[in-house]
C-alpha atoms as a PDB file:
ATOM      1  CA  MET A   1     -13.838 -22.124  -4.443  1.00  0.00           C
ATOM      2  CA  LEU A   2     -10.854 -22.786  -2.339  1.00  0.00           C
ATOM      3  CA  VAL A   3     -10.076 -26.363  -1.066  1.00  0.00           C
ATOM      4  CA  LYS A   4      -7.741 -27.626   1.447  1.00  0.00           C
ATOM      5  CA  TYR A   5      -5.389 -30.438  -0.097  1.00  0.00           C
ATOM      6  CA  LYS A   6      -6.128 -33.890   0.757  1.00  0.00           C
ATOM      7  CA  PRO A   7      -4.075 -36.774  -0.275  1.00  0.00           C
ATOM      8  CA  ASP A   8      -6.803 -37.989  -2.301  1.00  0.00           C
ATOM      9  CA  TYR A   9      -6.033 -34.962  -4.547  1.00  0.00           C
ATOM     10  CA  GLN A  10      -2.218 -35.833  -4.882  1.00  0.00           C
ATOM     11  CA  LYS A  11      -2.140 -36.526  -8.523  1.00  0.00           C
ATOM     12  CA  ILE A  12      -4.153 -33.761  -9.719  1.00  0.00           C
ATOM     13  CA  THR A  13      -2.171 -31.658  -7.277  1.00  0.00           C
ATOM     14  CA  MET A  14       1.122 -32.715  -8.624  1.00  0.00           C
ATOM     15  CA  GLY A  15      -0.284 -32.333 -12.214  1.00  0.00           C
ATOM     16  CA  LEU A  16      -0.906 -28.570 -11.422  1.00  0.00           C
ATOM     17  CA  LEU A  17       2.279 -28.148  -9.538  1.00  0.00           C
ATOM     18  CA  SER A  18       4.018 -29.303 -12.591  1.00  0.00           C
ATOM     19  CA  TYR A  19       3.218 -26.080 -14.461  1.00  0.00           C
ATOM     20  CA  VAL A  20       5.659 -24.257 -11.919  1.00  0.00           C
ATOM     21  CA  PRO A  21       8.710 -23.986 -14.066  1.00  0.00           C
ATOM     22  CA  ASP A  22      10.924 -25.038 -11.087  1.00  0.00           C
ATOM     23  CA  LEU A  23       8.804 -28.262 -10.576  1.00  0.00           C
ATOM     24  CA  LYS A  24       9.050 -29.968 -13.998  1.00  0.00           C
ATOM     25  CA  GLU A  25      11.011 -33.008 -12.907  1.00  0.00           C
ATOM     26  CA  THR A  26       9.222 -35.599 -10.819  1.00  0.00           C
ATOM     27  CA  SER A  27      11.656 -36.136  -8.262  1.00  0.00           C
ATOM     28  CA  ARG A  28      11.543 -32.587  -7.755  1.00  0.00           C
ATOM     29  CA  LEU A  29       7.956 -32.309  -7.479  1.00  0.00           C
ATOM     30  CA  THR A  30       7.564 -35.111  -5.369  1.00  0.00           C
ATOM     31  CA  LYS A  31      10.206 -33.676  -2.942  1.00  0.00           C
ATOM     32  CA  GLU A  32       8.224 -30.323  -2.853  1.00  0.00           C
ATOM     33  CA  MET A  33       4.922 -32.215  -1.944  1.00  0.00           C
ATOM     34  CA  GLN A  34       6.715 -34.094   0.816  1.00  0.00           C
ATOM     35  CA  TRP A  35       8.149 -30.554   2.061  1.00  0.00           C
ATOM     36  CA  TYR A  36       4.412 -29.367   2.432  1.00  0.00           C
ATOM     37  CA  ASP A  37       3.564 -32.493   4.432  1.00  0.00           C
ATOM     38  CA  GLN A  38       6.472 -32.217   6.822  1.00  0.00           C
ATOM     39  CA  ALA A  39       5.300 -29.113   8.759  1.00  0.00           C
ATOM     40  CA  GLU A  40       1.550 -28.093   9.869  1.00  0.00           C
ATOM     41  CA  ASN A  41       2.326 -24.519   8.706  1.00  0.00           C
ATOM     42  CA  ARG A  42       2.815 -25.320   5.200  1.00  0.00           C
ATOM     43  CA  GLN A  43      -0.374 -26.012   3.253  1.00  0.00           C
ATOM     44  CA  LEU A  44      -1.451 -26.745  -0.277  1.00  0.00           C
ATOM     45  CA  PHE A  45      -4.881 -25.405  -1.394  1.00  0.00           C
ATOM     46  CA  LEU A  46      -6.786 -26.241  -4.651  1.00  0.00           C
ATOM     47  CA  TRP A  47      -9.201 -23.973  -6.609  1.00  0.00           C
ATOM     48  CA  LYS A  48     -12.496 -25.854  -7.532  1.00  0.00           C
ATOM     49  CA  SER A  49     -14.060 -24.288 -10.707  1.00  0.00           C
ATOM     50  CA  GLU A  50     -17.699 -23.312  -9.917  1.00  0.00           C
ATOM     51  CA  GLU A  51     -18.993 -24.278 -13.413  1.00  0.00           C
ATOM     52  CA  THR A  52     -17.099 -27.559 -13.942  1.00  0.00           C
ATOM     53  CA  LYS A  53     -16.458 -28.416 -10.352  1.00  0.00           C
ATOM     54  CA  ASP A  54     -12.662 -29.443 -11.562  1.00  0.00           C
ATOM     55  CA  LEU A  55      -9.910 -28.699  -9.290  1.00  0.00           C
ATOM     56  CA  VAL A  56      -7.830 -26.274 -11.678  1.00  0.00           C
ATOM     57  CA  ALA A  57      -5.279 -24.525  -9.630  1.00  0.00           C
ATOM     58  CA  VAL A  58      -3.257 -25.111  -6.703  1.00  0.00           C
ATOM     59  CA  ALA A  59      -1.601 -22.317  -4.300  1.00  0.00           C
ATOM     60  CA  GLY A  60       1.077 -23.437  -1.920  1.00  0.00           C
ATOM     61  CA  ILE A  61       1.677 -21.507   1.338  1.00  0.00           C
ATOM     62  CA  GLU A  62       3.689 -21.002   4.458  1.00  0.00           C
ATOM     63  CA  ASP A  63       1.631 -19.715   7.350  1.00  0.00           C
ATOM     64  CA  GLU A  64       3.888 -17.781   9.754  1.00  0.00           C
ATOM     65  CA  ASP A  65       3.032 -15.520  12.947  1.00  0.00           C
ATOM     66  CA  GLU A  66       2.027 -12.237  11.053  1.00  0.00           C
ATOM     67  CA  ILE A  67       2.312 -13.395   7.186  1.00  0.00           C
ATOM     68  CA  VAL A  68       1.239 -15.571   4.907  1.00  0.00           C
ATOM     69  CA  LEU A  69       3.946 -16.446   2.111  1.00  0.00           C
ATOM     70  CA  LEU A  70       2.577 -17.439  -1.131  1.00  0.00           C
ATOM     71  CA  ARG A  71       5.304 -19.978  -2.278  1.00  0.00           C
ATOM     72  CA  HIS A  72       3.401 -21.386  -5.461  1.00  0.00           C
ATOM     73  CA  ILE A  73       0.483 -20.684  -7.388  1.00  0.00           C
ATOM     74  CA  ALA A  74      -0.258 -22.699 -10.622  1.00  0.00           C
ATOM     75  CA  ILE A  75      -3.355 -22.782 -12.748  1.00  0.00           C
ATOM     76  CA  ASN A  76      -4.337 -25.404 -15.379  1.00  0.00           C
ATOM     77  CA  PRO A  77      -3.498 -23.543 -18.929  1.00  0.00           C
ATOM     78  CA  SER A  78      -7.255 -24.103 -20.009  1.00  0.00           C
ATOM     79  CA  TYR A  79      -8.352 -21.794 -17.227  1.00  0.00           C
ATOM     80  CA  ARG A  80      -5.970 -19.009 -17.366  1.00  0.00           C
ATOM     81  CA  ASP A  81      -7.295 -15.374 -17.958  1.00  0.00           C
ATOM     82  CA  GLU A  82     -10.163 -16.042 -16.161  1.00  0.00           C
ATOM     83  CA  GLY A  83      -9.096 -14.284 -12.822  1.00  0.00           C
ATOM     84  CA  ILE A  84      -8.659 -17.255 -10.886  1.00  0.00           C
ATOM     85  CA  ALA A  85      -5.338 -16.181  -9.345  1.00  0.00           C
ATOM     86  CA  TYR A  86      -6.910 -13.119  -8.098  1.00  0.00           C
ATOM     87  CA  LYS A  87      -9.864 -15.201  -6.556  1.00  0.00           C
ATOM     88  CA  ILE A  88      -7.398 -17.605  -4.752  1.00  0.00           C
ATOM     89  CA  LEU A  89      -5.427 -14.600  -3.363  1.00  0.00           C
ATOM     90  CA  THR A  90      -8.888 -12.836  -2.194  1.00  0.00           C
ATOM     91  CA  ALA A  91     -10.107 -16.130  -0.689  1.00  0.00           C
ATOM     92  CA  LEU A  92      -6.644 -16.697   0.957  1.00  0.00           C
ATOM     93  CA  SER A  93      -6.531 -13.213   2.404  1.00  0.00           C
ATOM     94  CA  ASP A  94     -10.205 -13.303   3.698  1.00  0.00           C
ATOM     95  CA  SER A  95      -9.349 -16.692   5.389  1.00  0.00           C
ATOM     96  CA  CYS A  96      -5.974 -15.648   6.889  1.00  0.00           C
ATOM     97  CA  SER A  97      -6.953 -12.146   7.935  1.00  0.00           C
ATOM     98  CA  PRO A  98      -5.384  -9.941   9.570  1.00  0.00           C
ATOM     99  CA  LYS A  99      -2.214 -11.623   8.485  1.00  0.00           C
ATOM    100  CA  LYS A 100      -0.720 -10.119   5.228  1.00  0.00           C
ATOM    101  CA  ILE A 101      -0.172 -12.304   2.041  1.00  0.00           C
ATOM    102  CA  VAL A 102       3.605 -11.879   0.776  1.00  0.00           C
ATOM    103  CA  GLY A 103       5.397 -13.543  -1.988  1.00  0.00           C
ATOM    104  CA  THR A 104       8.417 -14.969  -3.055  1.00  0.00           C
ATOM    105  CA  LEU A 105      10.518 -13.498  -5.704  1.00  0.00           C
ATOM    106  CA  GLU A 106       8.315 -15.816  -8.176  1.00  0.00           C
ATOM    107  CA  THR A 107       4.802 -14.481  -6.674  1.00  0.00           C
ATOM    108  CA  ALA A 108       5.541 -11.062  -5.419  1.00  0.00           C
ATOM    109  CA  ALA A 109       4.666  -9.268  -8.669  1.00  0.00           C
ATOM    110  CA  LEU A 110       1.306 -11.262  -8.837  1.00  0.00           C
ATOM    111  CA  ILE A 111       0.465 -10.106  -5.360  1.00  0.00           C
ATOM    112  CA  THR A 112       1.679  -6.377  -5.618  1.00  0.00           C
ATOM    113  CA  LYS A 113      -0.778  -6.341  -9.055  1.00  0.00           C
ATOM    114  CA  TRP A 114      -3.594  -8.092  -6.845  1.00  0.00           C
ATOM    115  CA  GLN A 115      -3.113  -5.601  -4.081  1.00  0.00           C
ATOM    116  CA  LYS A 116      -3.105  -2.591  -6.428  1.00  0.00           C
ATOM    117  CA  ASP A 117      -6.185  -3.753  -8.422  1.00  0.00           C
ATOM    118  CA  PHE A 118      -8.073  -4.757  -5.513  1.00  0.00           C
ATOM    119  CA  GLY A 119      -7.202  -1.994  -3.015  1.00  0.00           C
ATOM    120  CA  LYS A 120      -5.600  -4.581  -0.596  1.00  0.00           C
ATOM    121  CA  THR A 121      -2.571  -3.028   1.376  1.00  0.00           C
ATOM    122  CA  SER A 122      -0.277  -4.113   4.237  1.00  0.00           C
ATOM    123  CA  GLU A 123      -2.015  -1.316   6.395  1.00  0.00           C
ATOM    124  CA  GLU A 124      -5.242  -2.859   6.261  1.00  0.00           C
ATOM    125  CA  ASP A 125      -6.718  -4.206   9.596  1.00  0.00           C
END
């Protein structure tokens, strides 16, 4: 289940974001968290496991006029290979429709694969 970030989730969110290769250093991670807090169109979402109720993944987006840019996605290694990335993308797509989800250089391949596997296209209404 997709959950909006709250300050109560800061430590777990930083822990999950630390799985992103560019965000290993604490100072860089702190700056990134502050960057998300500085504008209303930037949001962090967490994924709550339906089985364990643990927060196991994080996604960072920028919500623009016609697109939603997926900037980051990171999943706890213990929960990888469970299709969580696709579940997050589907939940984001459902919540931001009709906007198209696009990716950065780091996330575009995942989005393209998800679109192919789930029949999501930029032409959908």
